[in-house]
Amino acid sequence: MVTVGALVGIGLVALGLVLTPGPNMVYLVSRSVTQGRRAGLVSLLGVAVGFLVYLAAAVAGIATVFVLVPPLYAAVKLAGAAYLLWLAWRTLRPGGRSVFTPAPLPPDPPRRLFTMGLVTNLLNPKIAILYVSLLPQFIDPTRGHVAVQSLLLGFTQIVIALTVNGLIVLTAGTVSAFLVRRPAWARAQRYVMGSVLAALAVRIAADRSRAAVATP
């Protein structure tokens, strides 16, 4: 039902977004560096639940966006491209601060760690744009039910995001110390991720496909 190209495409989008500093990464790194890996993993569990909330909302409403409000669909798609370009600029601009230089945070109990991870993800504009605007770009209504395709693509994004974020939590302290000693590596990471985001933004903005009704 979902093509390999669509899975690869959403995988690249997910990878580009998860590797670009944003609210989720900043919170997870800060919590892991200041309170330890266990705190980072509990926070990541909250982030995971946030992904599931967004996926459920996308599956429930994506067909309506596709079919009933095509001008809104086009507007949100362009907004997604613009947001990616903004992220690319923030990543590439001179003087950008590495996410692995986090601000200290006071210790929190597990319940608050989970809640803050959930809230941080739900209020993360990158994830909202991903599910409302970017994910639909990889759905082909002629290949089957839109909701099922959304689930498959969404779970692909979630697996990639949680895997990368989990590795970030486990290695945050080591990476932080490494990049502090080697600023050239931090600049190289920003350049690569910024270029990927800019290329994805151009692809999405140039796409002229329209919403269509999915076949059951």
C-alpha atoms as a PDB file:
ATOM      1  CA  MET A   1       0.000   0.000   0.000  1.00  0.00           C
ATOM      2  CA  VAL A   2       2.733   2.483   0.942  1.00  0.00           C
ATOM      3  CA  THR A   3       5.592   2.695  -1.549  1.00  0.00           C
ATOM      4  CA  VAL A   4       9.234   2.278  -0.609  1.00  0.00           C
ATOM      5  CA  GLY A   5       9.800   5.796  -1.902  1.00  0.00           C
ATOM      6  CA  ALA A   6       7.195   7.174   0.518  1.00  0.00           C
ATOM      7  CA  LEU A   7       8.752   5.325   3.462  1.00  0.00           C
ATOM      8  CA  VAL A   8      12.218   6.561   2.524  1.00  0.00           C
ATOM      9  CA  GLY A   9      10.881  10.074   2.050  1.00  0.00           C
ATOM     10  CA  ILE A  10       9.150  10.296   5.429  1.00  0.00           C
ATOM     11  CA  GLY A  11      12.185   8.619   6.976  1.00  0.00           C
ATOM     12  CA  LEU A  12      14.486  11.332   5.635  1.00  0.00           C
ATOM     13  CA  VAL A  13      12.101  14.044   6.827  1.00  0.00           C
ATOM     14  CA  ALA A  14      11.905  12.442  10.270  1.00  0.00           C
ATOM     15  CA  LEU A  15      15.678  12.077  10.437  1.00  0.00           C
ATOM     16  CA  GLY A  16      16.288  15.655   9.340  1.00  0.00           C
ATOM     17  CA  LEU A  17      13.835  17.029  11.890  1.00  0.00           C
ATOM     18  CA  VAL A  18      14.955  14.888  14.814  1.00  0.00           C
ATOM     19  CA  LEU A  19      18.611  15.810  14.218  1.00  0.00           C
ATOM     20  CA  THR A  20      17.808  19.526  14.025  1.00  0.00           C
ATOM     21  CA  PRO A  21      17.780  21.300  17.395  1.00  0.00           C
ATOM     22  CA  GLY A  22      14.252  21.939  18.596  1.00  0.00           C
ATOM     23  CA  PRO A  23      12.183  21.853  21.798  1.00  0.00           C
ATOM     24  CA  ASN A  24      12.325  18.065  22.157  1.00  0.00           C
ATOM     25  CA  MET A  25      16.082  17.800  21.688  1.00  0.00           C
ATOM     26  CA  VAL A  26      16.810  20.775  23.921  1.00  0.00           C
ATOM     27  CA  TYR A  27      14.700  19.375  26.755  1.00  0.00           C
ATOM     28  CA  LEU A  28      15.985  15.800  26.460  1.00  0.00           C
ATOM     29  CA  VAL A  29      19.627  16.846  26.288  1.00  0.00           C
ATOM     30  CA  SER A  30      19.278  19.313  29.157  1.00  0.00           C
ATOM     31  CA  ARG A  31      17.519  16.762  31.332  1.00  0.00           C
ATOM     32  CA  SER A  32      19.974  13.969  30.477  1.00  0.00           C
ATOM     33  CA  VAL A  33      23.074  16.080  31.077  1.00  0.00           C
ATOM     34  CA  THR A  34      21.860  17.621  34.337  1.00  0.00           C
ATOM     35  CA  GLN A  35      19.903  14.709  35.875  1.00  0.00           C
ATOM     36  CA  GLY A  36      21.187  11.568  34.168  1.00  0.00           C
ATOM     37  CA  ARG A  37      20.157   9.020  31.565  1.00  0.00           C
ATOM     38  CA  ARG A  38      17.246   7.600  33.536  1.00  0.00           C
ATOM     39  CA  ALA A  39      15.619  11.028  33.738  1.00  0.00           C
ATOM     40  CA  GLY A  40      16.200  11.476  30.020  1.00  0.00           C
ATOM     41  CA  LEU A  41      14.532   8.157  29.210  1.00  0.00           C
ATOM     42  CA  VAL A  42      11.490   8.931  31.377  1.00  0.00           C
ATOM     43  CA  SER A  43      11.195  12.279  29.587  1.00  0.00           C
ATOM     44  CA  LEU A  44      11.487  10.458  26.254  1.00  0.00           C
ATOM     45  CA  LEU A  45       8.529   8.255  27.228  1.00  0.00           C
ATOM     46  CA  GLY A  46       6.423  11.394  27.534  1.00  0.00           C
ATOM     47  CA  VAL A  47       7.666  12.535  24.129  1.00  0.00           C
ATOM     48  CA  ALA A  48       6.622   9.159  22.678  1.00  0.00           C
ATOM     49  CA  VAL A  49       3.066   9.543  23.976  1.00  0.00           C
ATOM     50  CA  GLY A  50       2.980  13.001  22.391  1.00  0.00           C
ATOM     51  CA  PHE A  51       3.844  11.463  19.024  1.00  0.00           C
ATOM     52  CA  LEU A  52       0.963   8.998  19.398  1.00  0.00           C
ATOM     53  CA  VAL A  53      -1.449  11.841  20.170  1.00  0.00           C
ATOM     54  CA  TYR A  54      -0.407  13.670  17.009  1.00  0.00           C
ATOM     55  CA  LEU A  55      -0.658  10.485  14.940  1.00  0.00           C
ATOM     56  CA  ALA A  56      -4.168   9.740  16.211  1.00  0.00           C
ATOM     57  CA  ALA A  57      -5.251  13.291  15.395  1.00  0.00           C
ATOM     58  CA  ALA A  58      -3.726  13.070  11.925  1.00  0.00           C
ATOM     59  CA  VAL A  59      -5.434   9.756  11.149  1.00  0.00           C
ATOM     60  CA  ALA A  60      -8.789  11.109  12.345  1.00  0.00           C
ATOM     61  CA  GLY A  61      -8.665  14.351  10.405  1.00  0.00           C
ATOM     62  CA  ILE A  62      -6.300  14.044   7.486  1.00  0.00           C
ATOM     63  CA  ALA A  63      -8.975  12.955   4.990  1.00  0.00           C
ATOM     64  CA  THR A  64     -11.011  16.061   5.780  1.00  0.00           C
ATOM     65  CA  VAL A  65      -8.011  18.285   5.116  1.00  0.00           C
ATOM     66  CA  PHE A  66      -7.327  16.410   1.880  1.00  0.00           C
ATOM     67  CA  VAL A  67     -10.816  16.536   0.428  1.00  0.00           C
ATOM     68  CA  LEU A  68     -12.998  19.229   1.969  1.00  0.00           C
ATOM     69  CA  VAL A  69     -10.595  22.151   2.335  1.00  0.00           C
ATOM     70  CA  PRO A  70      -8.053  22.066  -0.519  1.00  0.00           C
ATOM     71  CA  PRO A  71      -7.072  25.768  -0.124  1.00  0.00           C
ATOM     72  CA  LEU A  72      -6.262  25.120   3.533  1.00  0.00           C
ATOM     73  CA  TYR A  73      -4.317  22.020   2.524  1.00  0.00           C
ATOM     74  CA  ALA A  74      -2.224  24.090   0.096  1.00  0.00           C
ATOM     75  CA  ALA A  75      -1.712  26.855   2.661  1.00  0.00           C
ATOM     76  CA  VAL A  76      -0.559  24.439   5.363  1.00  0.00           C
ATOM     77  CA  LYS A  77       1.774  22.729   2.893  1.00  0.00           C
ATOM     78  CA  LEU A  78       3.425  26.062   2.065  1.00  0.00           C
ATOM     79  CA  ALA A  79       3.568  26.882   5.763  1.00  0.00           C
ATOM     80  CA  GLY A  80       5.416  23.623   6.329  1.00  0.00           C
ATOM     81  CA  ALA A  81       7.920  24.467   3.592  1.00  0.00           C
ATOM     82  CA  ALA A  82       8.412  27.951   5.056  1.00  0.00           C
ATOM     83  CA  TYR A  83       8.936  26.507   8.523  1.00  0.00           C
ATOM     84  CA  LEU A  84      11.568  24.102   7.220  1.00  0.00           C
ATOM     85  CA  LEU A  85      13.372  26.995   5.539  1.00  0.00           C
ATOM     86  CA  TRP A  86      13.268  28.900   8.822  1.00  0.00           C
ATOM     87  CA  LEU A  87      14.735  25.906  10.638  1.00  0.00           C
ATOM     88  CA  ALA A  88      17.419  25.642   7.957  1.00  0.00           C
ATOM     89  CA  TRP A  89      18.336  29.306   8.448  1.00  0.00           C
ATOM     90  CA  ARG A  90      18.443  28.934  12.235  1.00  0.00           C
ATOM     91  CA  THR A  91      20.729  25.948  11.790  1.00  0.00           C
ATOM     92  CA  LEU A  92      23.068  27.568   9.256  1.00  0.00           C
ATOM     93  CA  ARG A  93      23.288  31.134  10.540  1.00  0.00           C
ATOM     94  CA  PRO A  94      26.605  32.266  12.023  1.00  0.00           C
ATOM     95  CA  GLY A  95      26.882  32.170  15.773  1.00  0.00           C
ATOM     96  CA  GLY A  96      24.290  29.447  16.317  1.00  0.00           C
ATOM     97  CA  ARG A  97      24.523  27.776  19.711  1.00  0.00           C
ATOM     98  CA  SER A  98      24.898  24.019  19.944  1.00  0.00           C
ATOM     99  CA  VAL A  99      22.022  22.181  21.591  1.00  0.00           C
ATOM    100  CA  PHE A 100      24.610  20.171  23.504  1.00  0.00           C
ATOM    101  CA  THR A 101      25.426  23.219  25.605  1.00  0.00           C
ATOM    102  CA  PRO A 102      22.256  23.020  27.727  1.00  0.00           C
ATOM    103  CA  ALA A 103      21.110  25.261  30.533  1.00  0.00           C
ATOM    104  CA  PRO A 104      21.085  23.581  33.971  1.00  0.00           C
ATOM    105  CA  LEU A 105      17.723  22.345  35.246  1.00  0.00           C
ATOM    106  CA  PRO A 106      16.664  21.476  38.815  1.00  0.00           C
ATOM    107  CA  PRO A 107      15.958  17.747  39.483  1.00  0.00           C
ATOM    108  CA  ASP A 108      12.354  16.628  38.874  1.00  0.00           C
ATOM    109  CA  PRO A 109      10.463  13.461  39.953  1.00  0.00           C
ATOM    110  CA  PRO A 110       9.534  10.853  37.283  1.00  0.00           C
ATOM    111  CA  ARG A 111       5.902  11.989  36.963  1.00  0.00           C
ATOM    112  CA  ARG A 112       6.953  15.544  36.195  1.00  0.00           C
ATOM    113  CA  LEU A 113       9.671  14.332  33.814  1.00  0.00           C
ATOM    114  CA  PHE A 114       7.055  12.348  31.866  1.00  0.00           C
ATOM    115  CA  THR A 115       4.581  15.235  31.859  1.00  0.00           C
ATOM    116  CA  MET A 116       7.150  17.758  30.699  1.00  0.00           C
ATOM    117  CA  GLY A 117       8.279  15.443  27.897  1.00  0.00           C
ATOM    118  CA  LEU A 118       4.659  15.051  26.778  1.00  0.00           C
ATOM    119  CA  VAL A 119       3.869  18.777  26.957  1.00  0.00           C
ATOM    120  CA  THR A 120       7.121  19.747  25.239  1.00  0.00           C
ATOM    121  CA  ASN A 121       6.281  17.483  22.307  1.00  0.00           C
ATOM    122  CA  LEU A 122       2.634  18.549  22.069  1.00  0.00           C
ATOM    123  CA  LEU A 123       3.720  22.195  21.920  1.00  0.00           C
ATOM    124  CA  ASN A 124       6.553  21.488  19.468  1.00  0.00           C
ATOM    125  CA  PRO A 125       5.785  23.343  16.198  1.00  0.00           C
ATOM    126  CA  LYS A 126       8.076  21.010  14.244  1.00  0.00           C
ATOM    127  CA  ILE A 127       5.911  18.006  15.088  1.00  0.00           C
ATOM    128  CA  ALA A 128       2.654  19.862  14.401  1.00  0.00           C
ATOM    129  CA  ILE A 129       3.898  20.899  10.966  1.00  0.00           C
ATOM    130  CA  LEU A 130       5.175  17.379  10.310  1.00  0.00           C
ATOM    131  CA  TYR A 131       1.803  15.708  10.863  1.00  0.00           C
ATOM    132  CA  VAL A 132      -0.419  18.424   9.404  1.00  0.00           C
ATOM    133  CA  SER A 133       1.635  19.417   6.373  1.00  0.00           C
ATOM    134  CA  LEU A 134       4.625  17.202   5.649  1.00  0.00           C
ATOM    135  CA  LEU A 135       3.253  13.700   6.196  1.00  0.00           C
ATOM    136  CA  PRO A 136       0.441  14.161   3.621  1.00  0.00           C
ATOM    137  CA  GLN A 137       3.074  14.766   0.922  1.00  0.00           C
ATOM    138  CA  PHE A 138       3.973  11.062   1.036  1.00  0.00           C
ATOM    139  CA  ILE A 139       0.419   9.696   0.862  1.00  0.00           C
ATOM    140  CA  ASP A 140      -0.998   8.515  -2.470  1.00  0.00           C
ATOM    141  CA  PRO A 141      -4.826   8.288  -2.275  1.00  0.00           C
ATOM    142  CA  THR A 142      -4.875   5.940  -5.295  1.00  0.00           C
ATOM    143  CA  ARG A 143      -2.960   3.282  -3.345  1.00  0.00           C
ATOM    144  CA  GLY A 144      -5.530   2.639  -0.635  1.00  0.00           C
ATOM    145  CA  HIS A 145      -7.078   4.062   2.488  1.00  0.00           C
ATOM    146  CA  VAL A 146      -5.532   7.358   3.576  1.00  0.00           C
ATOM    147  CA  ALA A 147      -5.844   6.573   7.292  1.00  0.00           C
ATOM    148  CA  VAL A 148      -3.927   3.279   6.956  1.00  0.00           C
ATOM    149  CA  GLN A 149      -1.171   4.975   4.964  1.00  0.00           C
ATOM    150  CA  SER A 150      -1.024   7.701   7.614  1.00  0.00           C
ATOM    151  CA  LEU A 151      -0.577   5.069  10.332  1.00  0.00           C
ATOM    152  CA  LEU A 152       2.239   3.300   8.495  1.00  0.00           C
ATOM    153  CA  LEU A 153       4.081   6.512   7.688  1.00  0.00           C
ATOM    154  CA  GLY A 154       3.454   7.915  11.164  1.00  0.00           C
ATOM    155  CA  PHE A 155       4.811   4.813  12.882  1.00  0.00           C
ATOM    156  CA  THR A 156       7.883   5.015  10.634  1.00  0.00           C
ATOM    157  CA  GLN A 157       8.476   8.578  11.808  1.00  0.00           C
ATOM    158  CA  ILE A 158       7.912   7.629  15.451  1.00  0.00           C
ATOM    159  CA  VAL A 159      10.368   4.714  15.322  1.00  0.00           C
ATOM    160  CA  ILE A 160      13.061   6.904  13.777  1.00  0.00           C
ATOM    161  CA  ALA A 161      12.426   9.805  16.175  1.00  0.00           C
ATOM    162  CA  LEU A 162      12.448   7.620  19.290  1.00  0.00           C
ATOM    163  CA  THR A 163      15.533   5.691  18.164  1.00  0.00           C
ATOM    164  CA  VAL A 164      17.530   8.857  17.494  1.00  0.00           C
ATOM    165  CA  ASN A 165      16.265  10.615  20.611  1.00  0.00           C
ATOM    166  CA  GLY A 166      17.045   7.534  22.678  1.00  0.00           C
ATOM    167  CA  LEU A 167      20.626   7.540  21.380  1.00  0.00           C
ATOM    168  CA  ILE A 168      20.844  11.259  22.128  1.00  0.00           C
ATOM    169  CA  VAL A 169      19.685  10.666  25.705  1.00  0.00           C
ATOM    170  CA  LEU A 170      22.222   7.863  26.219  1.00  0.00           C
ATOM    171  CA  THR A 171      25.144   9.803  24.740  1.00  0.00           C
ATOM    172  CA  ALA A 172      24.250  13.420  25.618  1.00  0.00           C
ATOM    173  CA  GLY A 173      26.948  13.841  28.245  1.00  0.00           C
ATOM    174  CA  THR A 174      29.686  12.356  26.068  1.00  0.00           C
ATOM    175  CA  VAL A 175      28.643  14.287  22.964  1.00  0.00           C
ATOM    176  CA  SER A 176      28.399  17.522  24.919  1.00  0.00           C
ATOM    177  CA  ALA A 177      31.975  17.191  26.151  1.00  0.00           C
ATOM    178  CA  PHE A 178      33.171  16.157  22.665  1.00  0.00           C
ATOM    179  CA  LEU A 179      31.624  19.150  20.888  1.00  0.00           C
ATOM    180  CA  VAL A 180      32.836  21.623  23.483  1.00  0.00           C
ATOM    181  CA  ARG A 181      36.388  20.528  22.652  1.00  0.00           C
ATOM    182  CA  ARG A 182      35.786  20.375  18.873  1.00  0.00           C
ATOM    183  CA  PRO A 183      33.673  23.320  17.646  1.00  0.00           C
ATOM    184  CA  ALA A 184      34.394  22.460  13.990  1.00  0.00           C
ATOM    185  CA  TRP A 185      32.378  19.244  14.377  1.00  0.00           C
ATOM    186  CA  ALA A 186      29.422  21.192  15.763  1.00  0.00           C
ATOM    187  CA  ARG A 187      29.547  23.556  12.776  1.00  0.00           C
ATOM    188  CA  ALA A 188      29.703  20.625  10.337  1.00  0.00           C
ATOM    189  CA  GLN A 189      26.602  19.055  11.920  1.00  0.00           C
ATOM    190  CA  ARG A 190      24.689  22.306  11.555  1.00  0.00           C
ATOM    191  CA  TYR A 191      25.678  22.690   7.893  1.00  0.00           C
ATOM    192  CA  VAL A 192      24.625  19.165   6.941  1.00  0.00           C
ATOM    193  CA  MET A 193      21.261  19.316   8.724  1.00  0.00           C
ATOM    194  CA  GLY A 194      20.531  22.824   7.474  1.00  0.00           C
ATOM    195  CA  SER A 195      21.173  21.772   3.886  1.00  0.00           C
ATOM    196  CA  VAL A 196      18.896  18.740   4.215  1.00  0.00           C
ATOM    197  CA  LEU A 197      16.062  20.854   5.621  1.00  0.00           C
ATOM    198  CA  ALA A 198      16.445  23.485   2.896  1.00  0.00           C
ATOM    199  CA  ALA A 199      16.309  20.822   0.159  1.00  0.00           C
ATOM    200  CA  LEU A 200      13.175  19.278   1.674  1.00  0.00           C
ATOM    201  CA  ALA A 201      11.541  22.715   1.906  1.00  0.00           C
ATOM    202  CA  VAL A 202      12.181  23.387  -1.784  1.00  0.00           C
ATOM    203  CA  ARG A 203      10.776  19.972  -2.746  1.00  0.00           C
ATOM    204  CA  ILE A 204       7.581  20.524  -0.784  1.00  0.00           C
ATOM    205  CA  ALA A 205       7.069  24.091  -2.025  1.00  0.00           C
ATOM    206  CA  ALA A 206       7.532  22.968  -5.646  1.00  0.00           C
ATOM    207  CA  ASP A 207       5.059  20.085  -5.339  1.00  0.00           C
ATOM    208  CA  ARG A 208       1.816  20.778  -7.221  1.00  0.00           C
ATOM    209  CA  SER A 209      -0.179  17.703  -6.202  1.00  0.00           C
ATOM    210  CA  ARG A 210      -3.714  18.222  -4.920  1.00  0.00           C
ATOM    211  CA  ALA A 211      -5.762  16.506  -2.269  1.00  0.00           C
ATOM    212  CA  ALA A 212      -7.910  13.605  -3.404  1.00  0.00           C
ATOM    213  CA  VAL A 213     -10.359  11.107  -1.991  1.00  0.00           C
ATOM    214  CA  ALA A 214      -8.820   7.851  -0.854  1.00  0.00           C
ATOM    215  CA  THR A 215     -10.225   4.522  -2.008  1.00  0.00           C
ATOM    216  CA  PRO A 216     -11.265   2.098   0.773  1.00  0.00           C
END
